[in-house]
């Protein structure tokens, strides 16, 4: 059963892989990129607790897998949507890299080692 995107004014259908979110591909990627921006700012400060870092890693994994299912599900996607999906994957990868850098800085600072 097809459902419509829950975003006000959007008439696009929600693909099966996004049924739980009740969002179309476009609005899912926009929401995901917005969430990633918030988390990147949070991790850039380098003071996110371990538990929060684990939550972010779980977020990256779950949403990356969901995005991959959408991208490879056989849906007819326009070139613009394909580009948006690839851009969103890059955003997830950048968030992961930012988290790794933050971990390296904080562990370096705690160890007391200097270069």
PDB file of N, CA and C in Angstrom:
ATOM      1  N   UNK A   1       0.838  -1.180   0.000  1.00  0.00           N
ATOM      2  CA  UNK A   1       0.000   0.000   0.000  1.00  0.00           C
ATOM      3  C   UNK A   1       0.886   1.247   0.000  1.00  0.00           C
ATOM      4  N   UNK A   2       0.662   2.117  -0.946  1.00  0.00           N
ATOM      5  CA  UNK A   2       1.444   3.346  -1.084  1.00  0.00           C
ATOM      6  C   UNK A   2       0.918   4.392  -0.109  1.00  0.00           C
ATOM      7  N   UNK A   3       1.850   5.078   0.515  1.00  0.00           N
ATOM      8  CA  UNK A   3       1.483   6.184   1.389  1.00  0.00           C
ATOM      9  C   UNK A   3       2.165   7.443   0.872  1.00  0.00           C
ATOM     10  N   UNK A   4       1.566   8.567   1.198  1.00  0.00           N
ATOM     11  CA  UNK A   4       2.134   9.842   0.767  1.00  0.00           C
ATOM     12  C   UNK A   4       3.107  10.344   1.812  1.00  0.00           C
ATOM     13  N   UNK A   5       4.019  11.173   1.355  1.00  0.00           N
ATOM     14  CA  UNK A   5       4.999  11.809   2.232  1.00  0.00           C
ATOM     15  C   UNK A   5       4.259  12.650   3.269  1.00  0.00           C
ATOM     16  N   UNK A   6       4.738  12.607   4.511  1.00  0.00           N
ATOM     17  CA  UNK A   6       4.086  13.358   5.586  1.00  0.00           C
ATOM     18  C   UNK A   6       4.427  14.844   5.582  1.00  0.00           C
ATOM     19  N   UNK A   7       5.373  15.267   4.748  1.00  0.00           N
ATOM     20  CA  UNK A   7       5.744  16.677   4.691  1.00  0.00           C
ATOM     21  C   UNK A   7       4.597  17.481   4.092  1.00  0.00           C
ATOM     22  N   UNK A   8       4.226  18.532   4.771  1.00  0.00           N
ATOM     23  CA  UNK A   8       3.109  19.367   4.340  1.00  0.00           C
ATOM     24  C   UNK A   8       3.309  19.849   2.902  1.00  0.00           C
ATOM     25  N   UNK A   9       2.307  19.619   2.071  1.00  0.00           N
ATOM     26  CA  UNK A   9       2.335  20.082   0.696  1.00  0.00           C
ATOM     27  C   UNK A   9       2.992  19.118  -0.283  1.00  0.00           C
ATOM     28  N   UNK A  10       3.649  18.082   0.201  1.00  0.00           N
ATOM     29  CA  UNK A  10       4.323  17.124  -0.683  1.00  0.00           C
ATOM     30  C   UNK A  10       3.334  16.050  -1.108  1.00  0.00           C
ATOM     31  N   UNK A  11       3.313  15.773  -2.393  1.00  0.00           N
ATOM     32  CA  UNK A  11       2.392  14.772  -2.917  1.00  0.00           C
ATOM     33  C   UNK A  11       3.114  13.511  -3.389  1.00  0.00           C
ATOM     34  N   UNK A  12       4.424  13.429  -3.132  1.00  0.00           N
ATOM     35  CA  UNK A  12       5.197  12.259  -3.543  1.00  0.00           C
ATOM     36  C   UNK A  12       4.879  11.063  -2.659  1.00  0.00           C
ATOM     37  N   UNK A  13       5.030   9.883  -3.236  1.00  0.00           N
ATOM     38  CA  UNK A  13       4.815   8.657  -2.485  1.00  0.00           C
ATOM     39  C   UNK A  13       6.032   8.314  -1.636  1.00  0.00           C
ATOM     40  N   UNK A  14       5.773   7.608  -0.570  1.00  0.00           N
ATOM     41  CA  UNK A  14       6.826   7.108   0.299  1.00  0.00           C
ATOM     42  C   UNK A  14       7.234   5.729  -0.200  1.00  0.00           C
ATOM     43  N   UNK A  15       8.515   5.508  -0.529  1.00  0.00           N
ATOM     44  CA  UNK A  15       8.933   4.170  -0.958  1.00  0.00           C
ATOM     45  C   UNK A  15       8.886   3.203   0.230  1.00  0.00           C
ATOM     46  N   UNK A  16       8.760   1.908  -0.048  1.00  0.00           N
ATOM     47  CA  UNK A  16       8.675   0.915   1.033  1.00  0.00           C
ATOM     48  C   UNK A  16       9.824   1.004   2.044  1.00  0.00           C
ATOM     49  N   UNK A  17      11.035   1.296   1.592  1.00  0.00           N
ATOM     50  CA  UNK A  17      12.184   1.372   2.496  1.00  0.00           C
ATOM     51  C   UNK A  17      12.069   2.547   3.474  1.00  0.00           C
ATOM     52  N   UNK A  18      11.202   3.506   3.168  1.00  0.00           N
ATOM     53  CA  UNK A  18      11.035   4.680   4.034  1.00  0.00           C
ATOM     54  C   UNK A  18       9.639   4.734   4.657  1.00  0.00           C
ATOM     55  N   UNK A  19       8.941   3.607   4.640  1.00  0.00           N
ATOM     56  CA  UNK A  19       7.577   3.567   5.171  1.00  0.00           C
ATOM     57  C   UNK A  19       7.531   3.982   6.640  1.00  0.00           C
ATOM     58  N   UNK A  20       8.519   3.557   7.411  1.00  0.00           N
ATOM     59  CA  UNK A  20       8.560   3.900   8.835  1.00  0.00           C
ATOM     60  C   UNK A  20       8.702   5.407   9.045  1.00  0.00           C
ATOM     61  N   UNK A  21       9.484   6.069   8.196  1.00  0.00           N
ATOM     62  CA  UNK A  21       9.699   7.512   8.309  1.00  0.00           C
ATOM     63  C   UNK A  21       8.551   8.304   7.691  1.00  0.00           C
ATOM     64  N   UNK A  22       7.808   7.674   6.794  1.00  0.00           N
ATOM     65  CA  UNK A  22       6.712   8.310   6.063  1.00  0.00           C
ATOM     66  C   UNK A  22       7.179   9.567   5.324  1.00  0.00           C
ATOM     67  N   UNK A  23       8.336   9.424   4.646  1.00  0.00           N
ATOM     68  CA  UNK A  23       8.908  10.524   3.868  1.00  0.00           C
ATOM     69  C   UNK A  23       9.227  10.044   2.460  1.00  0.00           C
ATOM     70  N   UNK A  24       9.136  10.942   1.497  1.00  0.00           N
ATOM     71  CA  UNK A  24       9.590  10.637   0.148  1.00  0.00           C
ATOM     72  C   UNK A  24      11.120  10.692   0.155  1.00  0.00           C
ATOM     73  N   UNK A  25      11.731  10.279  -0.938  1.00  0.00           N
ATOM     74  CA  UNK A  25      13.193  10.245  -1.015  1.00  0.00           C
ATOM     75  C   UNK A  25      13.781  11.641  -0.808  1.00  0.00           C
ATOM     76  N   UNK A  26      13.221  12.626  -1.473  1.00  0.00           N
ATOM     77  CA  UNK A  26      13.732  13.994  -1.352  1.00  0.00           C
ATOM     78  C   UNK A  26      13.699  14.478   0.091  1.00  0.00           C
ATOM     79  N   UNK A  27      12.567  14.354   0.747  1.00  0.00           N
ATOM     80  CA  UNK A  27      12.451  14.872   2.111  1.00  0.00           C
ATOM     81  C   UNK A  27      13.245  14.026   3.113  1.00  0.00           C
ATOM     82  N   UNK A  28      13.412  12.746   2.841  1.00  0.00           N
ATOM     83  CA  UNK A  28      14.265  11.920   3.691  1.00  0.00           C
ATOM     84  C   UNK A  28      15.709  12.413   3.626  1.00  0.00           C
ATOM     85  N   UNK A  29      16.196  12.668   2.413  1.00  0.00           N
ATOM     86  CA  UNK A  29      17.582  13.124   2.276  1.00  0.00           C
ATOM     87  C   UNK A  29      17.777  14.514   2.884  1.00  0.00           C
ATOM     88  N   UNK A  30      16.807  15.396   2.695  1.00  0.00           N
ATOM     89  CA  UNK A  30      16.911  16.738   3.278  1.00  0.00           C
ATOM     90  C   UNK A  30      16.937  16.678   4.809  1.00  0.00           C
ATOM     91  N   UNK A  31      16.082  15.850   5.380  1.00  0.00           N
ATOM     92  CA  UNK A  31      16.039  15.679   6.834  1.00  0.00           C
ATOM     93  C   UNK A  31      17.332  15.073   7.341  1.00  0.00           C
ATOM     94  N   UNK A  32      17.834  14.082   6.623  1.00  0.00           N
ATOM     95  CA  UNK A  32      19.070  13.408   7.003  1.00  0.00           C
ATOM     96  C   UNK A  32      20.253  14.375   6.962  1.00  0.00           C
ATOM     97  N   UNK A  33      20.340  15.168   5.910  1.00  0.00           N
ATOM     98  CA  UNK A  33      21.436  16.134   5.801  1.00  0.00           C
ATOM     99  C   UNK A  33      21.362  17.196   6.898  1.00  0.00           C
ATOM    100  N   UNK A  34      20.173  17.605   7.247  1.00  0.00           N
ATOM    101  CA  UNK A  34      20.005  18.574   8.326  1.00  0.00           C
ATOM    102  C   UNK A  34      20.472  17.979   9.658  1.00  0.00           C
ATOM    103  N   UNK A  35      20.088  16.753   9.927  1.00  0.00           N
ATOM    104  CA  UNK A  35      20.515  16.077  11.159  1.00  0.00           C
ATOM    105  C   UNK A  35      22.024  15.920  11.201  1.00  0.00           C
ATOM    106  N   UNK A  36      22.612  15.576  10.069  1.00  0.00           N
ATOM    107  CA  UNK A  36      24.071  15.419   9.998  1.00  0.00           C
ATOM    108  C   UNK A  36      24.777  16.737  10.279  1.00  0.00           C
ATOM    109  N   UNK A  37      24.232  17.837   9.794  1.00  0.00           N
ATOM    110  CA  UNK A  37      24.838  19.158  10.040  1.00  0.00           C
ATOM    111  C   UNK A  37      24.873  19.470  11.527  1.00  0.00           C
ATOM    112  N   UNK A  38      23.780  19.183  12.205  1.00  0.00           N
ATOM    113  CA  UNK A  38      23.719  19.422  13.647  1.00  0.00           C
ATOM    114  C   UNK A  38      24.762  18.565  14.358  1.00  0.00           C
ATOM    115  N   UNK A  39      24.862  17.294  13.978  1.00  0.00           N
ATOM    116  CA  UNK A  39      25.806  16.387  14.632  1.00  0.00           C
ATOM    117  C   UNK A  39      27.256  16.747  14.315  1.00  0.00           C
ATOM    118  N   UNK A  40      27.514  17.222  13.103  1.00  0.00           N
ATOM    119  CA  UNK A  40      28.885  17.651  12.765  1.00  0.00           C
ATOM    120  C   UNK A  40      29.316  18.824  13.626  1.00  0.00           C
ATOM    121  N   UNK A  41      28.418  19.773  13.835  1.00  0.00           N
ATOM    122  CA  UNK A  41      28.741  20.912  14.705  1.00  0.00           C
ATOM    123  C   UNK A  41      28.984  20.427  16.137  1.00  0.00           C
ATOM    124  N   UNK A  42      28.181  19.487  16.564  1.00  0.00           N
ATOM    125  CA  UNK A  42      28.316  18.936  17.912  1.00  0.00           C
ATOM    126  C   UNK A  42      29.661  18.225  18.096  1.00  0.00           C
ATOM    127  N   UNK A  43      30.071  17.447  17.115  1.00  0.00           N
ATOM    128  CA  UNK A  43      31.319  16.700  17.229  1.00  0.00           C
ATOM    129  C   UNK A  43      32.537  17.574  16.955  1.00  0.00           C
ATOM    130  N   UNK A  44      32.360  18.646  16.221  1.00  0.00           N
ATOM    131  CA  UNK A  44      33.495  19.532  15.910  1.00  0.00           C
ATOM    132  C   UNK A  44      34.066  20.166  17.169  1.00  0.00           C
ATOM    133  N   UNK A  45      33.243  20.338  18.171  1.00  0.00           N
ATOM    134  CA  UNK A  45      33.706  20.913  19.432  1.00  0.00           C
ATOM    135  C   UNK A  45      34.613  19.948  20.186  1.00  0.00           C
ATOM    136  N   UNK A  46      34.504  18.653  19.863  1.00  0.00           N
ATOM    137  CA  UNK A  46      35.384  17.656  20.470  1.00  0.00           C
ATOM    138  C   UNK A  46      35.042  17.283  21.892  1.00  0.00           C
ATOM    139  N   UNK A  47      33.848  17.646  22.355  1.00  0.00           N
ATOM    140  CA  UNK A  47      33.510  17.307  23.729  1.00  0.00           C
ATOM    141  C   UNK A  47      32.231  16.474  23.846  1.00  0.00           C
ATOM    142  N   UNK A  48      31.881  15.763  22.780  1.00  0.00           N
ATOM    143  CA  UNK A  48      30.724  14.870  22.836  1.00  0.00           C
ATOM    144  C   UNK A  48      31.094  13.649  23.673  1.00  0.00           C
ATOM    145  N   UNK A  49      30.276  13.298  24.661  1.00  0.00           N
ATOM    146  CA  UNK A  49      30.580  12.130  25.492  1.00  0.00           C
ATOM    147  C   UNK A  49      30.554  10.827  24.669  1.00  0.00           C
ATOM    148  N   UNK A  50      31.196   9.809  25.201  1.00  0.00           N
ATOM    149  CA  UNK A  50      31.281   8.514  24.511  1.00  0.00           C
ATOM    150  C   UNK A  50      29.904   7.984  24.119  1.00  0.00           C
ATOM    151  N   UNK A  51      28.937   8.108  25.015  1.00  0.00           N
ATOM    152  CA  UNK A  51      27.588   7.598  24.737  1.00  0.00           C
ATOM    153  C   UNK A  51      26.993   8.319  23.531  1.00  0.00           C
ATOM    154  N   UNK A  52      27.181   9.628  23.455  1.00  0.00           N
ATOM    155  CA  UNK A  52      26.668  10.393  22.313  1.00  0.00           C
ATOM    156  C   UNK A  52      27.376   9.994  21.030  1.00  0.00           C
ATOM    157  N   UNK A  53      28.669   9.742  21.116  1.00  0.00           N
ATOM    158  CA  UNK A  53      29.410   9.301  19.941  1.00  0.00           C
ATOM    159  C   UNK A  53      28.877   7.954  19.444  1.00  0.00           C
ATOM    160  N   UNK A  54      28.551   7.074  20.358  1.00  0.00           N
ATOM    161  CA  UNK A  54      27.964   5.777  19.968  1.00  0.00           C
ATOM    162  C   UNK A  54      26.605   5.977  19.295  1.00  0.00           C
ATOM    163  N   UNK A  55      25.808   6.898  19.836  1.00  0.00           N
ATOM    164  CA  UNK A  55      24.507   7.200  19.233  1.00  0.00           C
ATOM    165  C   UNK A  55      24.687   7.718  17.799  1.00  0.00           C
ATOM    166  N   UNK A  56      25.663   8.577  17.607  1.00  0.00           N
ATOM    167  CA  UNK A  56      25.921   9.129  16.270  1.00  0.00           C
ATOM    168  C   UNK A  56      26.365   8.031  15.317  1.00  0.00           C
ATOM    169  N   UNK A  57      27.233   7.138  15.784  1.00  0.00           N
ATOM    170  CA  UNK A  57      27.679   6.018  14.943  1.00  0.00           C
ATOM    171  C   UNK A  57      26.492   5.138  14.548  1.00  0.00           C
ATOM    172  N   UNK A  58      25.618   4.878  15.496  1.00  0.00           N
ATOM    173  CA  UNK A  58      24.419   4.069  15.210  1.00  0.00           C
ATOM    174  C   UNK A  58      23.538   4.793  14.182  1.00  0.00           C
ATOM    175  N   UNK A  59      23.393   6.093  14.334  1.00  0.00           N
ATOM    176  CA  UNK A  59      22.618   6.904  13.400  1.00  0.00           C
ATOM    177  C   UNK A  59      23.197   6.788  11.988  1.00  0.00           C
ATOM    178  N   UNK A  60      24.517   6.933  11.873  1.00  0.00           N
ATOM    179  CA  UNK A  60      25.181   6.861  10.569  1.00  0.00           C
ATOM    180  C   UNK A  60      24.930   5.502   9.931  1.00  0.00           C
ATOM    181  N   UNK A  61      25.107   4.448  10.703  1.00  0.00           N
ATOM    182  CA  UNK A  61      24.940   3.090  10.182  1.00  0.00           C
ATOM    183  C   UNK A  61      23.504   2.833   9.738  1.00  0.00           C
ATOM    184  N   UNK A  62      22.558   3.112  10.611  1.00  0.00           N
ATOM    185  CA  UNK A  62      21.152   2.836  10.296  1.00  0.00           C
ATOM    186  C   UNK A  62      20.660   3.641   9.098  1.00  0.00           C
ATOM    187  N   UNK A  63      20.983   4.909   9.080  1.00  0.00           N
ATOM    188  CA  UNK A  63      20.491   5.752   7.989  1.00  0.00           C
ATOM    189  C   UNK A  63      21.238   5.496   6.679  1.00  0.00           C
ATOM    190  N   UNK A  64      22.507   5.155   6.759  1.00  0.00           N
ATOM    191  CA  UNK A  64      23.252   4.777   5.557  1.00  0.00           C
ATOM    192  C   UNK A  64      22.694   3.509   4.935  1.00  0.00           C
ATOM    193  N   UNK A  65      22.371   2.529   5.773  1.00  0.00           N
ATOM    194  CA  UNK A  65      21.774   1.287   5.272  1.00  0.00           C
ATOM    195  C   UNK A  65      20.406   1.548   4.646  1.00  0.00           C
ATOM    196  N   UNK A  66      19.617   2.371   5.305  1.00  0.00           N
ATOM    197  CA  UNK A  66      18.280   2.682   4.782  1.00  0.00           C
ATOM    198  C   UNK A  66      18.393   3.415   3.443  1.00  0.00           C
ATOM    199  N   UNK A  67      19.328   4.347   3.359  1.00  0.00           N
ATOM    200  CA  UNK A  67      19.528   5.088   2.113  1.00  0.00           C
ATOM    201  C   UNK A  67      19.996   4.151   1.002  1.00  0.00           C
ATOM    202  N   UNK A  68      20.851   3.198   1.334  1.00  0.00           N
ATOM    203  CA  UNK A  68      21.311   2.221   0.340  1.00  0.00           C
ATOM    204  C   UNK A  68      20.144   1.368  -0.158  1.00  0.00           C
ATOM    205  N   UNK A  69      19.254   0.974   0.745  1.00  0.00           N
ATOM    206  CA  UNK A  69      18.078   0.189   0.324  1.00  0.00           C
ATOM    207  C   UNK A  69      17.203   0.997  -0.630  1.00  0.00           C
ATOM    208  N   UNK A  70      17.026   2.274  -0.337  1.00  0.00           N
ATOM    209  CA  UNK A  70      16.235   3.139  -1.223  1.00  0.00           C
ATOM    210  C   UNK A  70      16.903   3.231  -2.591  1.00  0.00           C
ATOM    211  N   UNK A  71      18.204   3.457  -2.593  1.00  0.00           N
ATOM    212  CA  UNK A  71      18.939   3.674  -3.843  1.00  0.00           C
ATOM    213  C   UNK A  71      18.995   2.432  -4.716  1.00  0.00           C
ATOM    214  N   UNK A  72      18.957   1.262  -4.111  1.00  0.00           N
ATOM    215  CA  UNK A  72      19.106   0.016  -4.877  1.00  0.00           C
ATOM    216  C   UNK A  72      17.817  -0.791  -4.965  1.00  0.00           C
ATOM    217  N   UNK A  73      16.699  -0.181  -4.607  1.00  0.00           N
ATOM    218  CA  UNK A  73      15.430  -0.920  -4.554  1.00  0.00           C
ATOM    219  C   UNK A  73      14.736  -1.073  -5.901  1.00  0.00           C
ATOM    220  N   UNK A  74      15.247  -0.420  -6.915  1.00  0.00           N
ATOM    221  CA  UNK A  74      14.607  -0.513  -8.218  1.00  0.00           C
ATOM    222  C   UNK A  74      13.603   0.593  -8.479  1.00  0.00           C
ATOM    223  N   UNK A  75      13.513   1.550  -7.584  1.00  0.00           N
ATOM    224  CA  UNK A  75      12.639   2.705  -7.813  1.00  0.00           C
ATOM    225  C   UNK A  75      13.135   3.489  -9.015  1.00  0.00           C
ATOM    226  N   UNK A  76      12.200   4.084  -9.736  1.00  0.00           N
ATOM    227  CA  UNK A  76      12.614   4.991 -10.805  1.00  0.00           C
ATOM    228  C   UNK A  76      13.021   6.299 -10.140  1.00  0.00           C
ATOM    229  N   UNK A  77      14.299   6.626 -10.215  1.00  0.00           N
ATOM    230  CA  UNK A  77      14.809   7.849  -9.617  1.00  0.00           C
ATOM    231  C   UNK A  77      15.319   8.777 -10.711  1.00  0.00           C
ATOM    232  N   UNK A  78      14.965  10.040 -10.606  1.00  0.00           N
ATOM    233  CA  UNK A  78      15.471  11.014 -11.564  1.00  0.00           C
ATOM    234  C   UNK A  78      16.964  11.205 -11.317  1.00  0.00           C
ATOM    235  N   UNK A  79      17.642  11.792 -12.291  1.00  0.00           N
ATOM    236  CA  UNK A  79      19.065  12.065 -12.119  1.00  0.00           C
ATOM    237  C   UNK A  79      19.301  13.008 -10.937  1.00  0.00           C
ATOM    238  N   UNK A  80      18.381  13.952 -10.735  1.00  0.00           N
ATOM    239  CA  UNK A  80      18.511  14.872  -9.599  1.00  0.00           C
ATOM    240  C   UNK A  80      18.417  14.127  -8.266  1.00  0.00           C
ATOM    241  N   UNK A  81      17.487  13.167  -8.175  1.00  0.00           N
ATOM    242  CA  UNK A  81      17.371  12.390  -6.942  1.00  0.00           C
ATOM    243  C   UNK A  81      18.583  11.485  -6.732  1.00  0.00           C
ATOM    244  N   UNK A  82      19.103  10.933  -7.807  1.00  0.00           N
ATOM    245  CA  UNK A  82      20.317  10.113  -7.691  1.00  0.00           C
ATOM    246  C   UNK A  82      21.476  10.956  -7.168  1.00  0.00           C
ATOM    247  N   UNK A  83      21.601  12.165  -7.696  1.00  0.00           N
ATOM    248  CA  UNK A  83      22.663  13.062  -7.246  1.00  0.00           C
ATOM    249  C   UNK A  83      22.461  13.437  -5.782  1.00  0.00           C
ATOM    250  N   UNK A  84      21.230  13.665  -5.377  1.00  0.00           N
ATOM    251  CA  UNK A  84      20.926  14.007  -3.985  1.00  0.00           C
ATOM    252  C   UNK A  84      21.276  12.841  -3.067  1.00  0.00           C
ATOM    253  N   UNK A  85      20.969  11.612  -3.484  1.00  0.00           N
ATOM    254  CA  UNK A  85      21.294  10.429  -2.687  1.00  0.00           C
ATOM    255  C   UNK A  85      22.805  10.301  -2.525  1.00  0.00           C
ATOM    256  N   UNK A  86      23.542  10.487  -3.617  1.00  0.00           N
ATOM    257  CA  UNK A  86      25.007  10.417  -3.534  1.00  0.00           C
ATOM    258  C   UNK A  86      25.555  11.512  -2.628  1.00  0.00           C
ATOM    259  N   UNK A  87      25.005  12.685  -2.724  1.00  0.00           N
ATOM    260  CA  UNK A  87      25.430  13.791  -1.869  1.00  0.00           C
ATOM    261  C   UNK A  87      25.152  13.476  -0.399  1.00  0.00           C
ATOM    262  N   UNK A  88      24.031  12.840  -0.131  1.00  0.00           N
ATOM    263  CA  UNK A  88      23.681  12.483   1.242  1.00  0.00           C
ATOM    264  C   UNK A  88      24.612  11.403   1.778  1.00  0.00           C
ATOM    265  N   UNK A  89      24.998  10.443   0.916  1.00  0.00           N
ATOM    266  CA  UNK A  89      26.003   9.455   1.338  1.00  0.00           C
ATOM    267  C   UNK A  89      27.308  10.162   1.714  1.00  0.00           C
ATOM    268  N   UNK A  90      27.700  11.130   0.919  1.00  0.00           N
ATOM    269  CA  UNK A  90      28.921  11.883   1.203  1.00  0.00           C
ATOM    270  C   UNK A  90      28.799  12.628   2.535  1.00  0.00           C
ATOM    271  N   UNK A  91      27.631  13.173   2.802  1.00  0.00           N
ATOM    272  CA  UNK A  91      27.394  13.864   4.066  1.00  0.00           C
ATOM    273  C   UNK A  91      27.553  12.904   5.241  1.00  0.00           C
ATOM    274  N   UNK A  92      27.010  11.690   5.110  1.00  0.00           N
ATOM    275  CA  UNK A  92      27.161  10.677   6.162  1.00  0.00           C
ATOM    276  C   UNK A  92      28.633  10.301   6.352  1.00  0.00           C
ATOM    277  N   UNK A  93      29.348  10.148   5.241  1.00  0.00           N
ATOM    278  CA  UNK A  93      30.768   9.809   5.317  1.00  0.00           C
ATOM    279  C   UNK A  93      31.569  10.930   5.977  1.00  0.00           C
ATOM    280  N   UNK A  94      31.243  12.166   5.653  1.00  0.00           N
ATOM    281  CA  UNK A  94      31.931  13.306   6.257  1.00  0.00           C
ATOM    282  C   UNK A  94      31.659  13.387   7.761  1.00  0.00           C
ATOM    283  N   UNK A  95      30.439  13.078   8.156  1.00  0.00           N
ATOM    284  CA  UNK A  95      30.107  13.056   9.578  1.00  0.00           C
ATOM    285  C   UNK A  95      30.944  11.998  10.285  1.00  0.00           C
ATOM    286  N   UNK A  96      31.051  10.827   9.678  1.00  0.00           N
ATOM    287  CA  UNK A  96      31.855   9.756  10.270  1.00  0.00           C
ATOM    288  C   UNK A  96      33.324  10.190  10.390  1.00  0.00           C
ATOM    289  N   UNK A  97      33.837  10.782   9.346  1.00  0.00           N
ATOM    290  CA  UNK A  97      35.223  11.246   9.361  1.00  0.00           C
ATOM    291  C   UNK A  97      35.422  12.330  10.426  1.00  0.00           C
ATOM    292  N   UNK A  98      34.469  13.225  10.547  1.00  0.00           N
ATOM    293  CA  UNK A  98      34.523  14.275  11.554  1.00  0.00           C
ATOM    294  C   UNK A  98      34.530  13.675  12.961  1.00  0.00           C
ATOM    295  N   UNK A  99      33.736  12.654  13.166  1.00  0.00           N
ATOM    296  CA  UNK A  99      33.684  11.969  14.451  1.00  0.00           C
ATOM    297  C   UNK A  99      35.017  11.297  14.753  1.00  0.00           C
ATOM    298  N   UNK A 100      35.610  10.665  13.746  1.00  0.00           N
ATOM    299  CA  UNK A 100      36.921  10.023  13.928  1.00  0.00           C
ATOM    300  C   UNK A 100      37.993  11.055  14.282  1.00  0.00           C
ATOM    301  N   UNK A 101      37.985  12.190  13.586  1.00  0.00           N
ATOM    302  CA  UNK A 101      38.961  13.250  13.877  1.00  0.00           C
ATOM    303  C   UNK A 101      38.788  13.787  15.289  1.00  0.00           C
ATOM    304  N   UNK A 102      37.542  13.945  15.680  1.00  0.00           N
ATOM    305  CA  UNK A 102      37.249  14.434  17.021  1.00  0.00           C
ATOM    306  C   UNK A 102      37.773  13.459  18.073  1.00  0.00           C
ATOM    307  N   UNK A 103      37.616  12.169  17.823  1.00  0.00           N
ATOM    308  CA  UNK A 103      38.115  11.148  18.747  1.00  0.00           C
ATOM    309  C   UNK A 103      39.632  11.194  18.834  1.00  0.00           C
ATOM    310  N   UNK A 104      40.283  11.386  17.699  1.00  0.00           N
ATOM    311  CA  UNK A 104      41.748  11.443  17.703  1.00  0.00           C
ATOM    312  C   UNK A 104      42.235  12.658  18.480  1.00  0.00           C
ATOM    313  N   UNK A 105      41.582  13.813  18.288  1.00  0.00           N
ATOM    314  CA  UNK A 105      41.991  15.025  19.005  1.00  0.00           C
ATOM    315  C   UNK A 105      41.792  14.860  20.505  1.00  0.00           C
ATOM    316  N   UNK A 106      40.638  14.311  20.892  1.00  0.00           N
ATOM    317  CA  UNK A 106      40.366  14.211  22.326  1.00  0.00           C
ATOM    318  C   UNK A 106      41.248  13.158  22.983  1.00  0.00           C
ATOM    319  N   UNK A 107      41.551  12.057  22.305  1.00  0.00           N
ATOM    320  CA  UNK A 107      42.426  11.045  22.907  1.00  0.00           C
ATOM    321  C   UNK A 107      43.864  11.553  22.935  1.00  0.00           C
ATOM    322  N   UNK A 108      44.261  12.343  21.942  1.00  0.00           N
ATOM    323  CA  UNK A 108      45.604  12.928  21.912  1.00  0.00           C
ATOM    324  C   UNK A 108      45.752  13.908  23.071  1.00  0.00           C
ATOM    325  N   UNK A 109      44.745  14.727  23.262  1.00  0.00           N
ATOM    326  CA  UNK A 109      44.792  15.708  24.336  1.00  0.00           C
ATOM    327  C   UNK A 109      44.798  15.072  25.711  1.00  0.00           C
ATOM    328  N   UNK A 110      44.091  13.940  25.879  1.00  0.00           N
ATOM    329  CA  UNK A 110      44.026  13.275  27.171  1.00  0.00           C
ATOM    330  C   UNK A 110      45.308  12.528  27.493  1.00  0.00           C
ATOM    331  N   UNK A 111      46.004  12.073  26.446  1.00  0.00           N
ATOM    332  CA  UNK A 111      47.189  11.245  26.703  1.00  0.00           C
ATOM    333  C   UNK A 111      48.383  12.092  27.164  1.00  0.00           C
ATOM    334  N   UNK A 112      48.362  13.373  26.845  1.00  0.00           N
ATOM    335  CA  UNK A 112      49.450  14.241  27.251  1.00  0.00           C
ATOM    336  C   UNK A 112      50.661  14.172  26.331  1.00  0.00           C
ATOM    337  N   UNK A 113      50.565  13.416  25.243  1.00  0.00           N
ATOM    338  CA  UNK A 113      51.677  13.332  24.292  1.00  0.00           C
ATOM    339  C   UNK A 113      51.726  14.575  23.438  1.00  0.00           C
ATOM    340  N   UNK A 114      52.907  14.973  23.093  1.00  0.00           N
ATOM    341  CA  UNK A 114      53.085  16.094  22.178  1.00  0.00           C
ATOM    342  C   UNK A 114      53.825  15.609  20.961  1.00  0.00           C
ATOM    343  N   UNK A 115      53.728  16.353  19.909  1.00  0.00           N
ATOM    344  CA  UNK A 115      54.392  15.946  18.673  1.00  0.00           C
ATOM    345  C   UNK A 115      55.826  16.314  18.686  1.00  0.00           C
TER     346      UNK A 115
END
